[in-house]
Amino acid sequence: MQSFGTWTVAVAAALVISLMGVHTKHLVAENTHLLTSEEHKMVLNQGMKEYPRDCYEMLMGSGGQARDGVYLIQPADYPILAYCAMQDGGWTVVQHITVNSSVDFDRTWVEYKQGFGVLNGDHWLGNEHLHHLTRGPGRYKLGVKLVDKDAVAKIGEYDPFMVEDERSGFRLRLGLFQGSALDALTQDTENYLHDNQRFTTKDRDNDNYFQNCAKLEFQGVAGGGWWYDACAGANLNRRNVIYWQKDCNKEHLCKYAWMMVKPSDTVKVVHTGDCKKDEL
């Protein structure tokens, strides 16, 4: 995955419009606040009654021709805008951060719920959208990509991946891990287990520490919202140090991090029908 500036929002939107062959009209999306003012003017509604559920479905609908960029998808009753990493296989990007980013990740519960930042750059898509994307009916996986100061990339995947609803504190649910990165969410050597944790922000403390982990500072920068334990074996929302156990920390600096979701490729289809009992 390259920098988000390669394909502009306008080019991506125009490509989808041409692929779908539909008439354009004004933009209707739940999270247009994640666009810059110029992008907001440039992106048009594709004029469709229903949009693809995610970026992977968008890629498949284009015959594999869609390019990286911002697209309209519809994981719930309303469309949202999301950055699609098409060249990597149709991942829906839900988080991107650059070390020492100008985007502040020290945000409130409502801001993490609704999303913040700029889709073409550093951003958090929003916990509410994460929930709708991953709640089913199909199974989803989480992809994490880390790039260090020497441009060495490490990747990890958790399959399945789900974020529960707000009543459950946007609780994180993770399955098996594989990849070149370390597993810093479900099997941390420092005993911080982020799996099954509720989300914590500076104004809503759901962690297992006697203080609010999202408020704890390093070099004057607060931790940001995350699925903290007490507190973290990983935290991709602290903008001055991208932290992922031994892969990314203050000694081994990482420059970029991405979190992405995609339908699982290990889902087994079970056909319903009459069961026949074996005779023993």
Protein backbone atom coordinates (compact mmCIF):
# COMPACT_ATOMS: atom_id res chain seq x y z
CA MET A 1 0.00 0.00 0.00
CA GLN A 2 1.37 3.38 -0.99
CA SER A 3 0.65 6.83 0.35
CA PHE A 4 -2.99 7.88 0.20
CA GLY A 5 -2.26 10.73 -2.20
CA THR A 6 -1.71 8.49 -5.23
CA TRP A 7 -5.32 8.42 -6.33
CA THR A 8 -7.50 11.38 -5.45
CA VAL A 9 -11.05 11.15 -4.18
CA ALA A 10 -12.37 12.64 -7.38
CA VAL A 11 -10.59 10.09 -9.60
CA ALA A 12 -11.82 7.18 -7.50
CA ALA A 13 -15.39 8.44 -7.49
CA ALA A 14 -15.33 9.08 -11.22
CA LEU A 15 -14.03 5.57 -11.83
CA VAL A 16 -16.86 3.99 -9.86
CA ILE A 17 -19.39 6.15 -11.67
CA SER A 18 -18.05 5.08 -15.06
CA LEU A 19 -17.95 1.42 -14.03
CA MET A 20 -21.51 1.43 -12.75
CA GLY A 21 -22.84 3.52 -15.65
CA VAL A 22 -25.16 5.57 -13.45
CA HIS A 23 -26.32 9.17 -13.29
CA THR A 24 -24.64 11.38 -10.69
CA LYS A 25 -26.25 13.72 -8.17
CA HIS A 26 -25.41 15.29 -4.81
CA LEU A 27 -23.44 13.43 -2.18
CA VAL A 28 -25.37 11.67 0.59
CA ALA A 29 -23.17 10.00 3.19
CA GLU A 30 -23.10 9.70 6.96
CA ASN A 31 -19.48 10.84 7.39
CA THR A 32 -18.73 13.62 4.93
CA HIS A 33 -16.90 15.40 7.78
CA LEU A 34 -13.95 13.10 6.95
CA LEU A 35 -13.44 14.92 3.65
CA THR A 36 -11.57 18.18 3.15
CA SER A 37 -13.65 21.08 1.85
CA GLU A 38 -12.16 20.67 -1.63
CA GLU A 39 -12.83 16.92 -1.67
CA HIS A 40 -16.38 17.53 -0.52
CA LYS A 41 -16.98 19.64 -3.62
CA MET A 42 -15.40 17.08 -5.94
CA VAL A 43 -17.00 13.82 -4.81
CA LEU A 44 -20.43 13.09 -6.21
CA ASN A 45 -23.09 10.60 -5.23
CA GLN A 46 -23.13 7.67 -7.64
CA GLY A 47 -26.94 7.81 -7.68
CA MET A 48 -27.38 4.16 -6.74
CA LYS A 49 -30.24 2.73 -4.70
CA GLU A 50 -27.80 0.49 -2.88
CA TYR A 51 -24.04 0.65 -2.56
CA PRO A 52 -21.57 -2.20 -2.08
CA ARG A 53 -21.30 -3.30 1.54
CA ASP A 54 -17.53 -2.83 1.64
CA CYS A 55 -14.49 -2.16 -0.52
CA TYR A 56 -14.03 -5.82 -1.43
CA GLU A 57 -17.55 -5.99 -2.86
CA MET A 58 -16.83 -2.76 -4.74
CA LEU A 59 -13.66 -4.29 -6.20
CA MET A 60 -15.46 -7.45 -7.28
CA GLY A 61 -18.26 -5.39 -8.85
CA SER A 62 -15.69 -3.53 -10.92
CA GLY A 63 -14.19 -6.74 -12.25
CA GLY A 64 -11.04 -6.04 -10.28
CA GLN A 65 -10.44 -2.72 -12.05
CA ALA A 66 -11.15 -0.26 -9.22
CA ARG A 67 -8.17 1.77 -7.99
CA ASP A 68 -7.16 2.96 -4.53
CA GLY A 69 -9.27 5.87 -3.32
CA VAL A 70 -12.34 7.03 -1.43
CA TYR A 71 -15.62 5.30 -2.26
CA LEU A 72 -19.18 5.17 -1.04
CA ILE A 73 -20.04 1.88 0.68
CA GLN A 74 -23.10 0.83 2.66
CA PRO A 75 -22.51 -1.51 5.61
CA ALA A 76 -25.77 -0.41 7.30
CA ASP A 77 -28.95 1.47 6.37
CA TYR A 78 -27.02 4.48 5.12
CA PRO A 79 -23.95 4.96 2.88
CA ILE A 80 -20.60 6.07 4.27
CA LEU A 81 -17.33 7.13 2.71
CA ALA A 82 -14.26 4.96 3.22
CA TYR A 83 -10.77 4.70 1.81
CA CYS A 84 -10.39 1.50 -0.21
CA ALA A 85 -7.02 -0.21 -0.61
CA MET A 86 -7.95 -1.85 -3.90
CA GLN A 87 -4.43 -2.75 -5.03
CA ASP A 88 -3.97 -4.79 -1.85
CA GLY A 89 -7.14 -6.80 -2.53
CA GLY A 90 -10.10 -4.63 -1.60
CA TRP A 91 -9.45 -3.79 2.05
CA THR A 92 -11.64 -1.17 3.75
CA VAL A 93 -9.27 1.10 5.69
CA VAL A 94 -10.62 1.88 9.16
CA GLN A 95 -7.53 3.60 10.59
CA HIS A 96 -4.37 5.24 9.32
CA ILE A 97 -1.76 7.08 11.35
CA THR A 98 1.57 8.73 10.60
CA VAL A 99 4.04 9.22 13.44
CA ASN A 100 3.86 12.84 14.66
CA SER A 101 0.68 13.27 12.67
CA SER A 102 -1.01 16.65 12.57
CA VAL A 103 -4.29 14.83 13.24
CA ASP A 104 -4.99 14.69 16.97
CA PHE A 105 -6.03 11.20 18.16
CA ASP A 106 -6.73 12.41 21.73
CA ARG A 107 -10.49 12.45 21.12
CA THR A 108 -13.77 11.93 22.95
CA TRP A 109 -16.09 8.91 22.91
CA VAL A 110 -18.43 10.59 20.43
CA GLU A 111 -15.56 11.51 18.09
CA TYR A 112 -14.24 7.93 18.08
CA LYS A 113 -17.78 6.72 17.51
CA GLN A 114 -18.39 8.97 14.50
CA GLY A 115 -14.84 9.09 13.12
CA PHE A 116 -12.34 11.91 12.63
CA GLY A 117 -9.42 12.99 10.48
CA VAL A 118 -9.27 12.90 6.69
CA LEU A 119 -9.96 9.71 4.71
CA ASN A 120 -7.13 10.45 2.27
CA GLY A 121 -4.72 10.72 5.20
CA ASP A 122 -4.65 10.03 8.93
CA HIS A 123 -8.04 9.11 10.32
CA TRP A 124 -10.28 6.85 12.40
CA LEU A 125 -13.32 5.69 10.42
CA GLY A 126 -15.55 5.44 13.50
CA ASN A 127 -16.51 2.72 15.97
CA GLU A 128 -20.14 2.78 14.91
CA HIS A 129 -19.11 2.09 11.30
CA LEU A 130 -16.64 -0.56 12.46
CA HIS A 131 -19.48 -2.31 14.25
CA HIS A 132 -21.78 -2.23 11.21
CA LEU A 133 -18.98 -3.41 8.92
CA THR A 134 -18.04 -6.43 11.04
CA ARG A 135 -21.31 -7.57 12.62
CA GLY A 136 -22.19 -9.84 9.70
CA PRO A 137 -23.93 -11.61 8.15
CA GLY A 138 -20.54 -12.61 6.71
CA ARG A 139 -17.36 -12.96 8.72
CA TYR A 140 -14.63 -10.31 8.56
CA LYS A 141 -10.92 -10.22 9.30
CA LEU A 142 -8.67 -7.43 10.53
CA GLY A 143 -5.46 -6.54 8.73
CA VAL A 144 -2.71 -4.51 10.43
CA LYS A 145 0.15 -3.06 8.39
CA LEU A 146 3.19 -1.47 10.03
CA VAL A 147 6.01 0.37 8.23
CA ASP A 148 9.18 1.29 10.10
CA LYS A 149 11.65 4.13 9.51
CA ASP A 150 13.63 1.94 7.06
CA ALA A 151 10.49 1.29 4.97
CA VAL A 152 10.31 -2.33 6.15
CA ALA A 153 6.67 -3.44 6.27
CA LYS A 154 5.16 -6.06 8.56
CA ILE A 155 1.63 -7.38 8.27
CA GLY A 156 -0.67 -9.30 10.59
CA GLU A 157 -4.24 -10.59 10.28
CA TYR A 158 -6.84 -11.58 12.86
CA ASP A 159 -9.59 -13.85 11.58
CA PRO A 160 -12.37 -13.40 12.54
CA PHE A 161 -12.67 -9.80 13.71
CA MET A 162 -15.70 -8.02 15.14
CA VAL A 163 -16.50 -4.85 17.05
CA GLU A 164 -19.65 -5.10 19.16
CA ASP A 165 -22.23 -2.31 19.47
CA GLU A 166 -22.09 0.77 21.68
CA ARG A 167 -24.10 -0.84 24.46
CA SER A 168 -21.23 -3.32 24.81
CA GLY A 169 -18.67 -0.52 24.80
CA PHE A 170 -17.62 -1.35 21.22
CA ARG A 171 -15.97 -4.47 22.61
CA LEU A 172 -13.20 -6.03 20.48
CA ARG A 173 -13.50 -9.68 19.38
CA LEU A 174 -10.55 -11.33 17.66
CA GLY A 175 -9.82 -14.77 16.23
CA LEU A 176 -6.62 -16.50 15.16
CA PHE A 177 -3.55 -14.48 14.17
CA GLN A 178 -1.10 -14.94 11.33
CA GLY A 179 1.51 -12.74 9.68
CA SER A 180 5.03 -11.36 9.81
CA ALA A 181 4.23 -8.92 12.63
CA LEU A 182 3.98 -10.05 16.24
CA ASP A 183 0.59 -10.79 17.76
CA ALA A 184 0.26 -7.79 20.07
CA LEU A 185 -3.50 -7.99 20.67
CA THR A 186 -4.24 -11.55 21.79
CA GLN A 187 -0.89 -12.96 22.94
CA ASP A 188 1.24 -10.18 24.38
CA THR A 189 4.36 -11.23 26.27
CA GLU A 190 3.69 -8.38 28.72
CA ASN A 191 0.26 -9.84 29.54
CA TYR A 192 -1.80 -7.04 28.03
CA LEU A 193 -4.70 -8.78 26.29
CA HIS A 194 -6.70 -6.42 24.09
CA ASP A 195 -9.07 -9.10 22.84
CA ASN A 196 -12.49 -8.89 24.55
CA GLN A 197 -11.75 -5.39 25.91
CA ARG A 198 -14.18 -2.50 25.68
CA PHE A 199 -13.09 0.75 24.05
CA THR A 200 -11.71 3.54 26.25
CA THR A 201 -11.45 7.26 25.51
CA LYS A 202 -10.35 10.21 27.62
CA ASP A 203 -13.95 10.83 28.71
CA ARG A 204 -15.06 7.19 29.11
CA ASP A 205 -12.87 4.82 31.12
CA ASN A 206 -13.55 1.15 30.34
CA ASP A 207 -10.05 -0.26 30.89
CA ASN A 208 -8.62 -2.45 33.66
CA TYR A 209 -6.15 0.08 35.08
CA PHE A 210 -6.67 2.27 38.15
CA GLN A 211 -6.19 5.30 35.92
CA ASN A 212 -7.65 6.07 32.51
CA CYS A 213 -5.17 4.62 29.99
CA ALA A 214 -6.32 7.05 27.27
CA LYS A 215 -5.14 9.96 29.45
CA LEU A 216 -1.66 8.64 30.20
CA GLU A 217 0.98 10.71 28.42
CA PHE A 218 4.28 9.93 26.77
CA GLN A 219 6.41 12.97 26.00
CA GLY A 220 3.36 15.14 26.59
CA VAL A 221 1.05 13.26 24.21
CA ALA A 222 -1.95 11.35 25.58
CA GLY A 223 -2.63 7.76 24.60
CA GLY A 224 -5.78 8.24 22.52
CA GLY A 225 -8.78 5.92 22.34
CA TRP A 226 -8.12 2.16 22.27
CA TRP A 227 -9.18 -1.27 23.52
CA TYR A 228 -6.97 -1.01 26.60
CA ASP A 229 -6.29 -3.66 29.19
CA ALA A 230 -4.00 -2.23 31.92
CA CYS A 231 -2.80 -0.58 29.71
CA ALA A 232 -1.34 -1.65 26.35
CA GLY A 233 0.77 -4.13 24.46
CA ALA A 234 -0.30 -2.25 21.35
CA ASN A 235 -1.70 1.19 20.64
CA LEU A 236 -1.97 2.55 17.11
CA ASN A 237 -3.73 5.73 18.17
CA ARG A 238 -0.88 7.51 19.98
CA ARG A 239 0.43 9.88 17.34
CA ASN A 240 3.96 10.47 18.66
CA VAL A 241 4.89 6.76 19.02
CA ILE A 242 3.22 4.00 17.03
CA TYR A 243 3.28 1.11 19.48
CA TRP A 244 3.03 -2.57 18.53
CA GLN A 245 5.02 -4.53 21.10
CA LYS A 246 8.57 -5.14 19.74
CA ASP A 247 7.72 -4.29 16.12
CA CYS A 248 6.98 -0.61 16.76
CA ASN A 249 8.04 1.31 19.86
CA LYS A 250 10.21 4.23 20.99
CA GLU A 251 13.40 2.24 20.28
CA HIS A 252 12.23 0.79 16.95
CA LEU A 253 10.34 3.65 15.35
CA CYS A 254 7.53 3.06 12.89
CA LYS A 255 6.42 5.77 10.48
CA TYR A 256 3.01 4.48 9.42
CA ALA A 257 0.28 2.11 10.55
CA TRP A 258 -2.95 0.94 8.95
CA MET A 259 -5.93 -1.03 10.21
CA MET A 260 -8.14 -2.55 7.53
CA VAL A 261 -11.07 -4.97 7.29
CA LYS A 262 -12.09 -7.41 4.62
CA PRO A 263 -14.44 -10.40 4.32
CA SER A 264 -12.78 -13.55 5.62
CA ASP A 265 -11.56 -16.00 3.00
CA THR A 266 -11.88 -18.92 5.44
CA VAL A 267 -15.64 -18.88 5.82
CA LYS A 268 -17.15 -22.32 5.40
CA VAL A 269 -20.55 -22.61 3.75
CA VAL A 270 -22.84 -25.04 5.56
CA HIS A 271 -25.78 -26.34 3.54
CA THR A 272 -28.93 -26.92 5.54
CA GLY A 273 -30.98 -30.05 5.03
CA ASP A 274 -32.12 -33.29 6.60
CA CYS A 275 -29.58 -34.85 8.92
CA LYS A 276 -29.08 -38.58 8.75
CA LYS A 277 -28.13 -40.31 11.95
CA ASP A 278 -25.33 -42.82 11.74
CA GLU A 279 -26.06 -46.24 13.18
CA LEU A 280 -23.47 -47.40 15.70
